[in-house]
Amino acid sequence: MRKQLDFWYEAPQGYFSLIWPDYGGGGMGHEDMTYHFVLHVLRSYRTGEICGFSNDGGELATDYPRIMELLRQHPIAERFDVPALGLYDATVDRIIAEIYERYVVRGETFVPPPWDESQLPAWVREAEARIRREMEERPERPGLYERRERAVAGAVTAVREEQAGYETESSNPDETR
């Protein structure tokens, strides 16, 4: 099995991200000059390994021909698995072509993968359990559902930021009150 990349697509903006799920942090940099800001090849500052790709800030429908031309001029030798797209041992140009075909040409809707509760940080699992108990004990208490939704949204953001290697002050919505 090759390095696996988790896939995310933002439909109205037309940008995608493919991030190595077990990227350990330490910061990432990208080769914008090589790929003229239409494709970000993300590399670990620590190891120099490719840990993801993105066209964040671009629009795939417009940038696709240029991205493919730049990949022909500056090929990326590594091959990757992207289970969300059903691609294994695929080149970067093949992966981007599949994203373009599905989400631009055919107009498919991106459905985020379901979250496995074990992927959530411990503080979120604990908050979820506490809120569930409170809802069972006092179902008439207002605001519990909204608190739960904020906790889940914060957890999803925290997990995505952690996977992408971002560090924030706090992704815990309860700490921002």
Protein backbone atom coordinates (compact mmCIF):
# COMPACT_ATOMS: atom_id res chain seq x y z
CA MET A 1 0.00 0.00 0.00
CA ARG A 2 1.28 3.47 -0.92
CA LYS A 3 0.91 6.57 1.21
CA GLN A 4 -2.76 7.18 1.75
CA LEU A 5 -4.25 10.63 1.20
CA ASP A 6 -7.52 11.80 2.72
CA PHE A 7 -9.64 13.71 0.20
CA TRP A 8 -11.80 16.81 0.68
CA TYR A 9 -13.56 18.90 -1.97
CA GLU A 10 -15.24 22.29 -1.62
CA ALA A 11 -17.84 22.41 -4.38
CA PRO A 12 -18.77 26.07 -4.80
CA GLN A 13 -15.15 27.23 -4.58
CA GLY A 14 -13.84 24.42 -6.77
CA TYR A 15 -10.86 23.45 -4.66
CA PHE A 16 -9.64 20.18 -3.25
CA SER A 17 -7.22 18.97 -0.63
CA LEU A 18 -5.47 15.64 -0.33
CA ILE A 19 -3.65 15.27 2.98
CA TRP A 20 -1.59 12.41 4.39
CA PRO A 21 -3.69 11.30 7.43
CA ASP A 22 -0.78 10.31 9.65
CA TYR A 23 1.20 13.47 8.98
CA GLY A 24 2.83 14.19 12.32
CA GLY A 25 2.85 17.98 12.28
CA GLY A 26 5.94 20.14 12.38
CA GLY A 27 4.74 22.44 9.65
CA MET A 28 4.34 22.10 5.91
CA GLY A 29 5.61 24.11 3.01
CA HIS A 30 4.69 24.13 -0.64
CA GLU A 31 6.37 24.55 -4.01
CA ASP A 32 4.23 27.34 -5.37
CA MET A 33 6.87 28.64 -7.74
CA THR A 34 7.21 25.30 -9.51
CA TYR A 35 3.47 24.87 -9.89
CA HIS A 36 2.65 28.58 -10.34
CA PHE A 37 0.22 28.78 -7.41
CA VAL A 38 -2.38 26.57 -9.12
CA LEU A 39 -1.23 23.44 -7.27
CA HIS A 40 0.28 23.32 -3.81
CA VAL A 41 2.55 20.32 -3.24
CA LEU A 42 2.75 20.13 0.55
CA ARG A 43 5.96 18.80 2.07
CA SER A 44 6.89 18.18 5.68
CA TYR A 45 9.47 20.63 6.96
CA ARG A 46 10.84 17.82 9.10
CA THR A 47 11.24 15.03 6.56
CA GLY A 48 10.81 16.71 3.19
CA GLU A 49 8.27 14.03 2.28
CA ILE A 50 5.15 14.92 0.34
CA CYS A 51 2.27 14.98 2.80
CA GLY A 52 -0.46 16.38 0.59
CA PHE A 53 -1.72 18.46 -2.31
CA SER A 54 -4.21 21.27 -2.68
CA ASN A 55 -5.39 23.87 -5.13
CA ASP A 56 -6.70 26.04 -2.29
CA GLY A 57 -7.34 29.53 -3.59
CA GLY A 58 -7.83 28.29 -7.14
CA GLU A 59 -10.73 26.87 -9.08
CA LEU A 60 -10.32 23.41 -10.56
CA ALA A 61 -12.59 24.05 -13.55
CA THR A 62 -10.40 26.96 -14.63
CA ASP A 63 -6.99 25.73 -13.49
CA TYR A 64 -7.20 22.08 -14.57
CA PRO A 65 -5.46 22.43 -17.98
CA ARG A 66 -2.64 24.45 -16.43
CA ILE A 67 -2.23 22.01 -13.51
CA MET A 68 -1.98 19.07 -15.90
CA GLU A 69 0.55 20.91 -18.09
CA LEU A 70 2.69 21.77 -15.06
CA LEU A 71 2.57 18.15 -13.89
CA ARG A 72 3.78 17.07 -17.33
CA GLN A 73 6.64 19.58 -17.09
CA HIS A 74 7.44 18.74 -13.44
CA PRO A 75 6.18 15.21 -12.76
CA ILE A 76 5.82 13.90 -9.22
CA ALA A 77 7.24 10.39 -9.01
CA GLU A 78 5.45 9.30 -5.82
CA ARG A 79 2.26 7.27 -6.08
CA PHE A 80 -0.61 7.44 -3.61
CA ASP A 81 -3.76 5.68 -2.43
CA VAL A 82 -6.94 7.78 -2.21
CA PRO A 83 -9.60 5.35 -0.96
CA ALA A 84 -12.31 8.05 -1.04
CA LEU A 85 -11.87 8.16 -4.83
CA GLY A 86 -11.31 4.42 -5.24
CA LEU A 87 -7.75 5.03 -6.45
CA TYR A 88 -4.77 2.95 -5.36
CA ASP A 89 -1.15 3.24 -6.46
CA ALA A 90 -2.14 6.30 -8.50
CA THR A 91 -0.04 9.13 -9.83
CA VAL A 92 -0.87 12.71 -8.88
CA ASP A 93 -2.05 13.55 -12.40
CA ARG A 94 -4.39 10.51 -12.34
CA ILE A 95 -5.80 11.58 -8.96
CA ILE A 96 -6.43 15.16 -10.10
CA ALA A 97 -7.96 13.93 -13.37
CA GLU A 98 -10.39 11.78 -11.36
CA ILE A 99 -11.35 14.72 -9.13
CA TYR A 100 -11.89 16.91 -12.21
CA GLU A 101 -13.96 14.26 -14.00
CA ARG A 102 -16.21 13.58 -11.02
CA TYR A 103 -16.76 17.00 -9.51
CA VAL A 104 -16.37 19.38 -12.44
CA VAL A 105 -17.38 17.43 -15.56
CA ARG A 106 -20.06 15.18 -14.04
CA GLY A 107 -20.98 17.61 -11.26
CA GLU A 108 -21.13 14.94 -8.56
CA THR A 109 -21.74 16.11 -5.02
CA PHE A 110 -18.91 15.53 -2.57
CA VAL A 111 -20.09 13.61 0.47
CA PRO A 112 -17.67 13.89 3.39
CA PRO A 113 -16.65 10.55 4.85
CA PRO A 114 -18.50 9.53 8.00
CA TRP A 115 -16.65 10.33 11.20
CA ASP A 116 -15.62 7.46 13.37
CA GLU A 117 -16.00 8.59 16.97
CA SER A 118 -12.58 7.14 17.78
CA GLN A 119 -11.03 9.80 15.49
CA LEU A 120 -12.33 12.58 17.70
CA PRO A 121 -10.12 14.07 20.41
CA ALA A 122 -10.70 12.75 23.95
CA TRP A 123 -12.19 16.06 25.16
CA VAL A 124 -14.88 15.82 22.48
CA ARG A 125 -15.77 12.22 23.32
CA GLU A 126 -16.03 13.21 27.01
CA ALA A 127 -18.16 16.27 26.19
CA GLU A 128 -20.42 14.15 23.96
CA ALA A 129 -20.91 11.60 26.76
CA ARG A 130 -21.62 14.36 29.31
CA ILE A 131 -24.15 16.07 27.03
CA ARG A 132 -25.88 12.75 26.24
CA ARG A 133 -26.21 12.06 29.99
CA GLU A 134 -27.60 15.55 30.59
CA MET A 135 -30.09 15.15 27.74
CA GLU A 136 -31.29 11.82 29.15
CA GLU A 137 -31.53 13.15 32.71
CA ARG A 138 -33.17 16.46 31.83
CA PRO A 139 -34.66 16.38 28.32
CA GLU A 140 -36.56 19.61 28.98
CA ARG A 141 -33.33 21.58 29.51
CA PRO A 142 -32.96 24.00 26.55
CA GLY A 143 -29.74 24.48 24.64
CA LEU A 144 -28.27 21.01 25.03
CA TYR A 145 -28.80 20.10 21.40
CA GLU A 146 -27.12 23.31 20.27
CA ARG A 147 -24.17 22.71 22.64
CA ARG A 148 -23.81 19.20 21.24
CA GLU A 149 -23.83 20.47 17.66
CA ARG A 150 -21.18 23.10 18.49
CA ALA A 151 -19.03 20.46 20.19
CA VAL A 152 -19.24 18.15 17.18
CA ALA A 153 -18.51 21.00 14.75
CA GLY A 154 -15.52 22.03 16.86
CA ALA A 155 -14.29 18.45 16.96
CA VAL A 156 -14.52 18.00 13.22
CA THR A 157 -12.60 21.24 12.73
CA ALA A 158 -9.98 20.19 15.28
CA VAL A 159 -9.47 16.79 13.66
CA ARG A 160 -9.22 18.26 10.16
CA GLU A 161 -6.76 20.92 11.34
CA GLU A 162 -4.71 18.31 13.16
CA GLN A 163 -4.64 16.09 10.08
CA ALA A 164 -3.65 19.04 7.93
CA GLY A 165 -0.91 20.01 10.38
CA TYR A 166 -2.45 23.27 11.55
CA GLU A 167 -2.15 24.44 15.12
CA THR A 168 -4.77 26.73 16.59
CA GLU A 169 -5.21 28.33 20.00
CA SER A 170 -8.27 26.22 20.69
CA SER A 171 -10.72 24.32 18.57
CA ASN A 172 -12.84 23.63 21.65
CA PRO A 173 -15.99 25.79 21.39
CA ASP A 174 -16.53 25.54 25.17
CA GLU A 175 -13.16 27.25 25.78
CA THR A 176 -14.12 30.29 23.70
CA ARG A 177 -17.02 31.35 25.88
